Amino acid sequence: MVDPHPRDAAAPQIVGGKTDFRADPLEVLGDDIFLSVLRHLSERQLLKCALVSASWRTAATCDSLWKPICLERWQGKVYNPAAALNIPWKRRYLAAEAHRKRTDITHEEVVAFTWRFR
């Protein structure tokens, strides 16, 4: 006879009277809900999530997560060369963070920059 209420293999199981929560949250929650959860994490936490597994890396590097982070962080910035790069948003974020730590500017950057006076 077929079980009318089959267990989802990814759902937490009862083992020895205790709930086993070792199931992958991505599998349990599904892509949409998992991405909604990731939206509440910091940039650092997202970078750590990307190290968990291949499926988590795909979710944690999604442009729909990183684009709003970048746009908010870069709001009001005068110069950000990473913003113009045609690469995924997470990589733009990392490039901008590396650029932010620089202490020098090249001659080419000074000449190429469109100067606006306030």
Protein backbone atom coordinates (compact mmCIF):
# COMPACT_ATOMS: atom_id res chain seq x y z
CA MET A 1 0.00 0.00 0.00
CA VAL A 2 1.27 3.51 -0.86
CA ASP A 3 1.72 5.90 2.04
CA PRO A 4 -0.88 8.69 1.61
CA HIS A 5 1.48 11.14 3.35
CA PRO A 6 4.95 10.42 1.96
CA ARG A 7 7.82 12.09 3.77
CA ASP A 8 9.83 14.67 1.93
CA ALA A 9 13.41 13.38 1.98
CA ALA A 10 14.72 16.91 2.62
CA ALA A 11 12.37 17.66 5.52
CA PRO A 12 13.63 17.26 9.10
CA GLN A 13 13.16 13.70 10.35
CA ILE A 14 12.41 12.39 13.83
CA VAL A 15 15.36 10.28 14.94
CA GLY A 16 15.40 8.72 18.42
CA GLY A 17 12.63 11.03 19.61
CA LYS A 18 14.54 14.17 18.48
CA THR A 19 14.14 16.24 15.35
CA ASP A 20 17.07 15.90 12.97
CA PHE A 21 17.70 19.31 11.37
CA ARG A 22 20.61 18.23 9.18
CA ALA A 23 18.50 18.64 6.04
CA ASP A 24 19.70 21.32 3.63
CA PRO A 25 17.58 24.46 4.16
CA LEU A 26 17.81 25.22 0.45
CA GLU A 27 16.10 21.90 -0.34
CA VAL A 28 13.55 22.29 2.45
CA LEU A 29 12.60 25.91 1.74
CA GLY A 30 12.99 26.04 -2.02
CA ASP A 31 14.80 28.68 -4.06
CA ASP A 32 12.42 31.62 -3.58
CA ILE A 33 12.12 31.38 0.20
CA PHE A 34 15.83 30.64 0.59
CA LEU A 35 16.70 33.78 -1.41
CA SER A 36 14.29 35.77 0.78
CA VAL A 37 16.19 34.55 3.84
CA LEU A 38 19.55 35.41 2.25
CA ARG A 39 18.36 38.99 1.60
CA HIS A 40 18.49 39.58 5.36
CA LEU A 41 22.18 38.67 5.65
CA SER A 42 25.17 40.98 5.57
CA GLU A 43 27.68 40.95 2.73
CA ARG A 44 30.14 39.02 4.90
CA GLN A 45 27.50 36.42 5.80
CA LEU A 46 26.56 36.00 2.12
CA LEU A 47 30.20 35.41 1.24
CA LYS A 48 30.38 32.72 3.92
CA CYS A 49 27.15 31.10 2.68
CA ALA A 50 28.71 30.80 -0.77
CA LEU A 51 31.31 28.44 0.76
CA VAL A 52 28.77 25.87 2.03
CA SER A 53 28.08 23.98 -1.20
CA ALA A 54 27.68 24.43 -4.94
CA SER A 55 23.93 25.02 -4.64
CA TRP A 56 24.41 27.55 -1.83
CA ARG A 57 27.14 29.28 -3.90
CA THR A 58 24.70 29.63 -6.79
CA ALA A 59 22.08 31.13 -4.47
CA ALA A 60 24.48 33.36 -2.50
CA THR A 61 26.09 34.85 -5.61
CA CYS A 62 22.81 35.64 -7.33
CA ASP A 63 22.74 39.08 -8.96
CA SER A 64 19.31 39.76 -7.42
CA LEU A 65 21.02 39.72 -4.00
CA TRP A 66 24.16 41.66 -4.84
CA LYS A 67 22.82 44.40 -7.12
CA PRO A 68 20.76 46.13 -4.37
CA ILE A 69 23.70 45.82 -1.96
CA CYS A 70 26.04 47.47 -4.47
CA LEU A 71 23.63 50.23 -5.46
CA GLU A 72 22.95 51.12 -1.84
CA ARG A 73 26.62 51.06 -0.88
CA TRP A 74 27.67 53.16 -3.89
CA GLN A 75 24.94 55.76 -3.54
CA GLY A 76 26.52 59.22 -3.54
CA LYS A 77 29.97 57.95 -4.54
CA VAL A 78 31.78 60.17 -7.02
CA TYR A 79 34.20 57.59 -8.40
CA ASN A 80 33.68 53.83 -8.53
CA PRO A 81 35.31 52.06 -11.47
CA ALA A 82 33.75 48.71 -10.47
CA ALA A 83 30.26 50.06 -11.16
CA ALA A 84 30.96 50.20 -14.90
CA LEU A 85 32.39 46.68 -15.17
CA ASN A 86 30.36 44.12 -17.10
CA ILE A 87 30.75 41.32 -14.55
CA PRO A 88 28.39 39.73 -12.00
CA TRP A 89 27.33 42.04 -9.15
CA LYS A 90 29.13 40.05 -6.46
CA ARG A 91 32.41 40.46 -8.35
CA ARG A 92 31.69 44.18 -8.79
CA TYR A 93 31.19 44.41 -5.04
CA LEU A 94 34.51 42.66 -4.36
CA ALA A 95 36.32 44.84 -6.91
CA ALA A 96 34.86 47.99 -5.34
CA GLU A 97 35.91 46.84 -1.88
CA ALA A 98 39.45 46.20 -3.12
CA HIS A 99 39.46 49.62 -4.81
CA ARG A 100 38.18 51.30 -1.63
CA LYS A 101 41.30 50.14 0.26
CA ARG A 102 43.70 51.69 -2.24
CA THR A 103 45.84 54.59 -1.14
CA ASP A 104 47.06 55.75 -4.54
CA ILE A 105 45.61 56.93 -7.85
CA THR A 106 47.12 56.47 -11.28
CA HIS A 107 47.71 59.19 -13.85
CA GLU A 108 45.28 57.41 -16.20
CA GLU A 109 42.53 57.52 -13.56
CA VAL A 110 42.99 61.25 -12.97
CA VAL A 111 42.89 62.00 -16.69
CA ALA A 112 39.94 59.66 -17.48
CA PHE A 113 37.76 60.92 -14.62
CA THR A 114 35.05 63.45 -15.48
CA TRP A 115 35.51 66.14 -12.88
CA ARG A 116 32.45 67.96 -11.56
CA PHE A 117 32.67 70.87 -9.19
CA ARG A 118 30.01 71.48 -6.56
